[in-house]
Structures are given as structure tokens and as C-alpha cells.
């Protein structure tokens, strides 16, 4: 039987306005957001090289707004 270990990473945004664009602002780089998406890409690629697979992404809601995104990863042990 396969066994897995899990890892959760948290991506927080200092400025609530960064999430005002919705998912497009998180995953599609434009001039304003290219630094954020580059950092996310680098972190995801590093985890992928270590054998981690992204399973799901969720957000933390506070008063109807989200400033934190969680990525849940797994890899076979």
C-alpha cells in the first residue's frame, strides 16, 4: 500500500489590494504582480524538485476577505 507525507505552505499578502484581482492576480503575471508570481513559481518548482505534488489550494477567510492562501502538497514515502 502506498504511503504519503503531507506539507502545507502558507502564502500571505501584505496588501489586500493584491487579492482584489482574484485568481488572475495570483496566477497570471503582469508588470505589477510579476514579482509575486515569480516568488510563487520558484517555491512551487523547488518543492516539485523535492518530489512534492500540489494537491489543492485553499484560502483563509477573515471577515469575508482572503489575504492568505494555503497550498497542500503530498509525496510518496
C-alpha atoms as a PDB file:
ATOM      1  CA  UNK A   1       0.000   0.000   0.000  1.00  0.00           C
ATOM      2  CA  UNK A   2       1.294   3.446  -0.899  1.00  0.00           C
ATOM      3  CA  UNK A   3       2.088   5.842   1.943  1.00  0.00           C
ATOM      4  CA  UNK A   4       2.291   9.616   1.688  1.00  0.00           C
ATOM      5  CA  UNK A   5       3.535  12.505   3.753  1.00  0.00           C
ATOM      6  CA  UNK A   6       1.935  15.933   3.538  1.00  0.00           C
ATOM      7  CA  UNK A   7       3.161  19.528   3.684  1.00  0.00           C
ATOM      8  CA  UNK A   8       1.180  22.756   3.933  1.00  0.00           C
ATOM      9  CA  UNK A   9       2.638  26.086   2.857  1.00  0.00           C
ATOM     10  CA  UNK A  10       1.144  29.491   3.533  1.00  0.00           C
ATOM     11  CA  UNK A  11       1.333  32.439   1.154  1.00  0.00           C
ATOM     12  CA  UNK A  12       0.293  35.704   2.790  1.00  0.00           C
ATOM     13  CA  UNK A  13      -0.170  39.050   1.098  1.00  0.00           C
ATOM     14  CA  UNK A  14       0.810  42.289   2.791  1.00  0.00           C
ATOM     15  CA  UNK A  15      -1.584  44.328   0.702  1.00  0.00           C
ATOM     16  CA  UNK A  16      -5.262  43.332   0.485  1.00  0.00           C
ATOM     17  CA  UNK A  17      -5.385  45.044  -2.919  1.00  0.00           C
ATOM     18  CA  UNK A  18      -3.260  42.223  -4.382  1.00  0.00           C
ATOM     19  CA  UNK A  19      -6.218  39.863  -3.971  1.00  0.00           C
ATOM     20  CA  UNK A  20      -8.693  42.345  -5.394  1.00  0.00           C
ATOM     21  CA  UNK A  21      -7.857  40.944  -8.833  1.00  0.00           C
ATOM     22  CA  UNK A  22      -8.979  37.458  -7.784  1.00  0.00           C
ATOM     23  CA  UNK A  23      -7.176  34.368  -9.015  1.00  0.00           C
ATOM     24  CA  UNK A  24      -5.926  36.115 -12.138  1.00  0.00           C
ATOM     25  CA  UNK A  25      -3.819  38.382  -9.958  1.00  0.00           C
ATOM     26  CA  UNK A  26      -2.272  35.339  -8.291  1.00  0.00           C
ATOM     27  CA  UNK A  27      -1.512  33.165 -11.283  1.00  0.00           C
ATOM     28  CA  UNK A  28      -1.133  35.437 -14.302  1.00  0.00           C
ATOM     29  CA  UNK A  29       1.895  37.692 -14.123  1.00  0.00           C
ATOM     30  CA  UNK A  30       1.580  41.273 -15.232  1.00  0.00           C
ATOM     31  CA  UNK A  31       4.065  44.077 -14.533  1.00  0.00           C
ATOM     32  CA  UNK A  32       2.612  44.842 -11.115  1.00  0.00           C
ATOM     33  CA  UNK A  33       2.374  41.210  -9.985  1.00  0.00           C
ATOM     34  CA  UNK A  34       5.385  39.641 -11.693  1.00  0.00           C
ATOM     35  CA  UNK A  35       7.469  39.666  -8.506  1.00  0.00           C
ATOM     36  CA  UNK A  36       4.741  37.842  -6.545  1.00  0.00           C
ATOM     37  CA  UNK A  37       4.108  35.201  -9.203  1.00  0.00           C
ATOM     38  CA  UNK A  38       7.843  34.681  -9.699  1.00  0.00           C
ATOM     39  CA  UNK A  39       8.267  34.013  -5.975  1.00  0.00           C
ATOM     40  CA  UNK A  40       5.336  31.572  -6.001  1.00  0.00           C
ATOM     41  CA  UNK A  41       6.716  29.808  -9.106  1.00  0.00           C
ATOM     42  CA  UNK A  42      10.154  29.494  -7.517  1.00  0.00           C
ATOM     43  CA  UNK A  43       8.705  27.994  -4.348  1.00  0.00           C
ATOM     44  CA  UNK A  44       6.479  25.572  -6.279  1.00  0.00           C
ATOM     45  CA  UNK A  45       9.371  24.495  -8.533  1.00  0.00           C
ATOM     46  CA  UNK A  46      11.638  23.909  -5.528  1.00  0.00           C
ATOM     47  CA  UNK A  47       9.001  21.734  -3.871  1.00  0.00           C
ATOM     48  CA  UNK A  48       8.431  19.855  -7.133  1.00  0.00           C
ATOM     49  CA  UNK A  49      12.138  19.096  -7.417  1.00  0.00           C
ATOM     50  CA  UNK A  50      11.944  17.602  -3.913  1.00  0.00           C
ATOM     51  CA  UNK A  51       9.138  15.283  -5.018  1.00  0.00           C
ATOM     52  CA  UNK A  52       6.202  17.269  -3.621  1.00  0.00           C
ATOM     53  CA  UNK A  53       2.989  17.346  -5.679  1.00  0.00           C
ATOM     54  CA  UNK A  54       0.466  20.167  -5.217  1.00  0.00           C
ATOM     55  CA  UNK A  55      -2.857  18.570  -4.259  1.00  0.00           C
ATOM     56  CA  UNK A  56      -5.067  21.559  -3.531  1.00  0.00           C
ATOM     57  CA  UNK A  57      -5.114  25.271  -2.764  1.00  0.00           C
ATOM     58  CA  UNK A  58      -7.414  26.877  -0.216  1.00  0.00           C
ATOM     59  CA  UNK A  59      -7.802  30.327   1.261  1.00  0.00           C
ATOM     60  CA  UNK A  60      -8.222  31.649   4.780  1.00  0.00           C
ATOM     61  CA  UNK A  61     -11.249  33.913   5.052  1.00  0.00           C
ATOM     62  CA  UNK A  62     -11.395  36.692   7.643  1.00  0.00           C
ATOM     63  CA  UNK A  63     -14.440  38.979   7.614  1.00  0.00           C
ATOM     64  CA  UNK A  64     -15.209  37.884   4.054  1.00  0.00           C
ATOM     65  CA  UNK A  65     -11.737  38.739   2.739  1.00  0.00           C
ATOM     66  CA  UNK A  66      -8.807  36.471   1.979  1.00  0.00           C
ATOM     67  CA  UNK A  67      -5.205  37.554   2.499  1.00  0.00           C
ATOM     68  CA  UNK A  68      -3.711  34.084   2.936  1.00  0.00           C
ATOM     69  CA  UNK A  69      -3.595  31.123   0.561  1.00  0.00           C
ATOM     70  CA  UNK A  70      -2.606  27.609   1.636  1.00  0.00           C
ATOM     71  CA  UNK A  71      -1.076  25.043  -0.693  1.00  0.00           C
ATOM     72  CA  UNK A  72      -1.289  21.400   0.375  1.00  0.00           C
ATOM     73  CA  UNK A  73       1.308  19.032  -1.064  1.00  0.00           C
ATOM     74  CA  UNK A  74       1.961  15.305  -0.852  1.00  0.00           C
ATOM     75  CA  UNK A  75       4.774  12.947  -1.755  1.00  0.00           C
ATOM     76  CA  UNK A  76       5.187   9.227  -1.515  1.00  0.00           C
ATOM     77  CA  UNK A  77       7.344   7.880   1.315  1.00  0.00           C
END
